[in-house]
Amino acid sequence: MEIVKPFAEWGVAIMEIVGISIIVGFAFFALLVEPILRWKQNNNEPVFHQVRQRLGKGILLGLEFLVAADIIHTVAVELTFKTVGILAIVVLIRTFLSFTLEVELSGRWPWQNK
């Protein structure tokens, strides 16, 4: 188990960096690049809707990586009842956030037909 721990810690750090980078990258693109591209193309569609969709999708994807990093950290690095309880709370909060973001972006409940 002691051999796995350093690899798991590195894997967790990399996954957290990837998750944060995805959120920051999508935010940068959605808030800066997308409006400039629409302005250059002389596109009169509302920029707000497109920026909101792209930013929301970036947050959802980044959250998936962060949840995976939390799970790996708890299972492979520090498996105690306290960390499992904290993991359960964090995953519950992030899952609720992901669910509400998905509903907000799609405009419908997941079980409704498209």
Foldseek 3Di string as FASTA:
>chain_A
DVVVQVVLVVVLVVLLVVLVCLLVVLLCCLVPVQVVVCVVVVPPPDSVLVSLLSNLVSNLVSLVSNLVSLVSCQPPHPPDPVSVVVNVVVCVVSVVVNQVSVCVSVVHHPPDDD
